[in-house]
């Protein structure tokens, strides 16, 4: 009976370490940035790993007062591209913690 308690403590220590590592990885995600682009680089959106948009760059030649719709579509496409890249970055960064873990009810 006592041996089982030691294993439990060891598992709790591992879980605490994993929690700390996950928090650290989450914090690192905030520092990382991705770029989404549209229109062959005419519009660039920079986002961080927490899905905050940091910057929107629009090349002058794509600004056409006659065609605001196209510009809006490009900004939208670039933003979605950036957010998709954030999801990939997050999956890559946080995926290391869920690999090999088979905890029922976690997903």
C-alpha atoms as a PDB file:
ATOM      1  CA  UNK A   1       0.000   0.000   0.000  1.00  0.00           C
ATOM      2  CA  UNK A   2       2.772   2.456   0.920  1.00  0.00           C
ATOM      3  CA  UNK A   3       4.598   1.911  -2.363  1.00  0.00           C
ATOM      4  CA  UNK A   4       1.573   3.125  -4.280  1.00  0.00           C
ATOM      5  CA  UNK A   5       1.730   6.433  -2.394  1.00  0.00           C
ATOM      6  CA  UNK A   6       5.305   7.020  -3.559  1.00  0.00           C
ATOM      7  CA  UNK A   7       4.249   6.534  -7.162  1.00  0.00           C
ATOM      8  CA  UNK A   8       1.385   8.955  -6.644  1.00  0.00           C
ATOM      9  CA  UNK A   9       3.763  11.600  -5.250  1.00  0.00           C
ATOM     10  CA  UNK A  10       6.134  11.074  -8.143  1.00  0.00           C
ATOM     11  CA  UNK A  11       3.266  11.472 -10.588  1.00  0.00           C
ATOM     12  CA  UNK A  12       2.108  14.659  -8.849  1.00  0.00           C
ATOM     13  CA  UNK A  13       5.652  16.084  -9.077  1.00  0.00           C
ATOM     14  CA  UNK A  14       5.737  15.280 -12.799  1.00  0.00           C
ATOM     15  CA  UNK A  15       2.341  16.917 -13.290  1.00  0.00           C
ATOM     16  CA  UNK A  16       3.519  20.046 -11.450  1.00  0.00           C
ATOM     17  CA  UNK A  17       6.646  20.197 -13.595  1.00  0.00           C
ATOM     18  CA  UNK A  18       4.557  19.762 -16.721  1.00  0.00           C
ATOM     19  CA  UNK A  19       2.244  22.559 -15.548  1.00  0.00           C
ATOM     20  CA  UNK A  20       5.249  24.870 -15.088  1.00  0.00           C
ATOM     21  CA  UNK A  21       6.644  23.911 -18.494  1.00  0.00           C
ATOM     22  CA  UNK A  22       3.249  24.546 -20.103  1.00  0.00           C
ATOM     23  CA  UNK A  23       2.994  27.970 -18.470  1.00  0.00           C
ATOM     24  CA  UNK A  24       6.485  28.788 -19.708  1.00  0.00           C
ATOM     25  CA  UNK A  25       5.575  27.644 -23.232  1.00  0.00           C
ATOM     26  CA  UNK A  26       2.399  29.768 -23.118  1.00  0.00           C
ATOM     27  CA  UNK A  27       4.466  32.795 -22.105  1.00  0.00           C
ATOM     28  CA  UNK A  28       6.927  32.101 -24.920  1.00  0.00           C
ATOM     29  CA  UNK A  29       4.038  32.000 -27.392  1.00  0.00           C
ATOM     30  CA  UNK A  30       3.258  35.617 -26.511  1.00  0.00           C
ATOM     31  CA  UNK A  31       6.809  36.523 -27.558  1.00  0.00           C
ATOM     32  CA  UNK A  32       6.631  34.748 -30.909  1.00  0.00           C
ATOM     33  CA  UNK A  33       5.183  36.414 -33.982  1.00  0.00           C
ATOM     34  CA  UNK A  34       3.828  35.135 -37.269  1.00  0.00           C
ATOM     35  CA  UNK A  35       3.077  36.952 -40.498  1.00  0.00           C
ATOM     36  CA  UNK A  36       0.003  36.417 -42.606  1.00  0.00           C
ATOM     37  CA  UNK A  37      -0.019  37.793 -46.126  1.00  0.00           C
ATOM     38  CA  UNK A  38      -2.458  38.274 -48.966  1.00  0.00           C
ATOM     39  CA  UNK A  39      -2.303  39.625 -52.490  1.00  0.00           C
ATOM     40  CA  UNK A  40       1.256  38.425 -52.974  1.00  0.00           C
ATOM     41  CA  UNK A  41       2.519  40.408 -49.998  1.00  0.00           C
ATOM     42  CA  UNK A  42       0.439  43.524 -50.700  1.00  0.00           C
ATOM     43  CA  UNK A  43      -1.104  43.161 -47.231  1.00  0.00           C
ATOM     44  CA  UNK A  44       0.792  41.749 -44.263  1.00  0.00           C
ATOM     45  CA  UNK A  45      -0.648  41.111 -40.820  1.00  0.00           C
ATOM     46  CA  UNK A  46       1.643  40.377 -37.875  1.00  0.00           C
ATOM     47  CA  UNK A  47       0.199  38.522 -34.895  1.00  0.00           C
ATOM     48  CA  UNK A  48       1.692  37.091 -31.717  1.00  0.00           C
ATOM     49  CA  UNK A  49       1.192  33.596 -30.348  1.00  0.00           C
ATOM     50  CA  UNK A  50      -1.762  34.781 -28.267  1.00  0.00           C
ATOM     51  CA  UNK A  51      -3.715  35.841 -31.379  1.00  0.00           C
ATOM     52  CA  UNK A  52      -3.178  39.533 -30.831  1.00  0.00           C
ATOM     53  CA  UNK A  53      -2.747  41.475 -34.060  1.00  0.00           C
ATOM     54  CA  UNK A  54       0.379  43.582 -33.640  1.00  0.00           C
ATOM     55  CA  UNK A  55       0.719  45.195 -37.036  1.00  0.00           C
ATOM     56  CA  UNK A  56      -1.072  45.620 -40.344  1.00  0.00           C
ATOM     57  CA  UNK A  57       1.056  46.659 -43.320  1.00  0.00           C
ATOM     58  CA  UNK A  58      -0.580  47.733 -46.567  1.00  0.00           C
ATOM     59  CA  UNK A  59       1.470  48.543 -49.654  1.00  0.00           C
ATOM     60  CA  UNK A  60       0.529  51.879 -51.188  1.00  0.00           C
ATOM     61  CA  UNK A  61      -0.158  50.495 -54.653  1.00  0.00           C
ATOM     62  CA  UNK A  62      -2.987  48.274 -53.389  1.00  0.00           C
ATOM     63  CA  UNK A  63      -4.900  51.258 -51.981  1.00  0.00           C
ATOM     64  CA  UNK A  64      -7.535  52.072 -54.580  1.00  0.00           C
ATOM     65  CA  UNK A  65     -10.325  54.413 -53.425  1.00  0.00           C
ATOM     66  CA  UNK A  66     -12.462  52.913 -56.194  1.00  0.00           C
ATOM     67  CA  UNK A  67     -12.007  49.378 -54.855  1.00  0.00           C
ATOM     68  CA  UNK A  68     -12.218  49.423 -51.053  1.00  0.00           C
ATOM     69  CA  UNK A  69     -13.837  45.951 -51.143  1.00  0.00           C
ATOM     70  CA  UNK A  70     -10.698  44.359 -52.556  1.00  0.00           C
ATOM     71  CA  UNK A  71      -8.556  45.997 -49.877  1.00  0.00           C
ATOM     72  CA  UNK A  72     -10.921  44.801 -47.142  1.00  0.00           C
ATOM     73  CA  UNK A  73     -10.814  41.266 -48.591  1.00  0.00           C
ATOM     74  CA  UNK A  74      -7.003  41.327 -48.617  1.00  0.00           C
ATOM     75  CA  UNK A  75      -6.824  42.542 -44.998  1.00  0.00           C
ATOM     76  CA  UNK A  76      -9.311  39.827 -44.003  1.00  0.00           C
ATOM     77  CA  UNK A  77      -7.376  37.127 -45.900  1.00  0.00           C
ATOM     78  CA  UNK A  78      -4.036  38.237 -44.415  1.00  0.00           C
ATOM     79  CA  UNK A  79      -5.541  38.274 -40.908  1.00  0.00           C
ATOM     80  CA  UNK A  80      -6.995  34.784 -41.312  1.00  0.00           C
ATOM     81  CA  UNK A  81      -3.664  33.574 -42.687  1.00  0.00           C
ATOM     82  CA  UNK A  82      -1.865  34.989 -39.627  1.00  0.00           C
ATOM     83  CA  UNK A  83      -4.366  33.403 -37.220  1.00  0.00           C
ATOM     84  CA  UNK A  84      -4.039  30.039 -38.976  1.00  0.00           C
ATOM     85  CA  UNK A  85      -0.264  30.258 -38.523  1.00  0.00           C
ATOM     86  CA  UNK A  86      -0.766  31.076 -34.824  1.00  0.00           C
ATOM     87  CA  UNK A  87      -2.888  27.915 -34.485  1.00  0.00           C
ATOM     88  CA  UNK A  88      -0.112  25.880 -36.139  1.00  0.00           C
ATOM     89  CA  UNK A  89       2.507  27.472 -33.880  1.00  0.00           C
ATOM     90  CA  UNK A  90       0.375  26.787 -30.806  1.00  0.00           C
ATOM     91  CA  UNK A  91      -0.228  23.169 -31.814  1.00  0.00           C
ATOM     92  CA  UNK A  92       3.504  22.731 -32.389  1.00  0.00           C
ATOM     93  CA  UNK A  93       4.463  24.407 -29.094  1.00  0.00           C
ATOM     94  CA  UNK A  94       1.792  22.910 -26.847  1.00  0.00           C
ATOM     95  CA  UNK A  95       1.586  19.571 -28.654  1.00  0.00           C
ATOM     96  CA  UNK A  96       4.752  18.391 -26.927  1.00  0.00           C
ATOM     97  CA  UNK A  97       2.796  18.304 -23.661  1.00  0.00           C
ATOM     98  CA  UNK A  98      -0.104  16.217 -24.925  1.00  0.00           C
ATOM     99  CA  UNK A  99       2.030  13.739 -26.885  1.00  0.00           C
ATOM    100  CA  UNK A 100       2.028  10.350 -25.260  1.00  0.00           C
ATOM    101  CA  UNK A 101      -0.435  11.472 -22.626  1.00  0.00           C
ATOM    102  CA  UNK A 102      -3.590   9.472 -22.509  1.00  0.00           C
ATOM    103  CA  UNK A 103      -5.634  11.092 -19.801  1.00  0.00           C
ATOM    104  CA  UNK A 104      -9.335  10.351 -20.199  1.00  0.00           C
ATOM    105  CA  UNK A 105     -11.464  13.463 -20.295  1.00  0.00           C
ATOM    106  CA  UNK A 106      -8.575  15.752 -21.222  1.00  0.00           C
ATOM    107  CA  UNK A 107      -9.694  16.211 -24.813  1.00  0.00           C
END
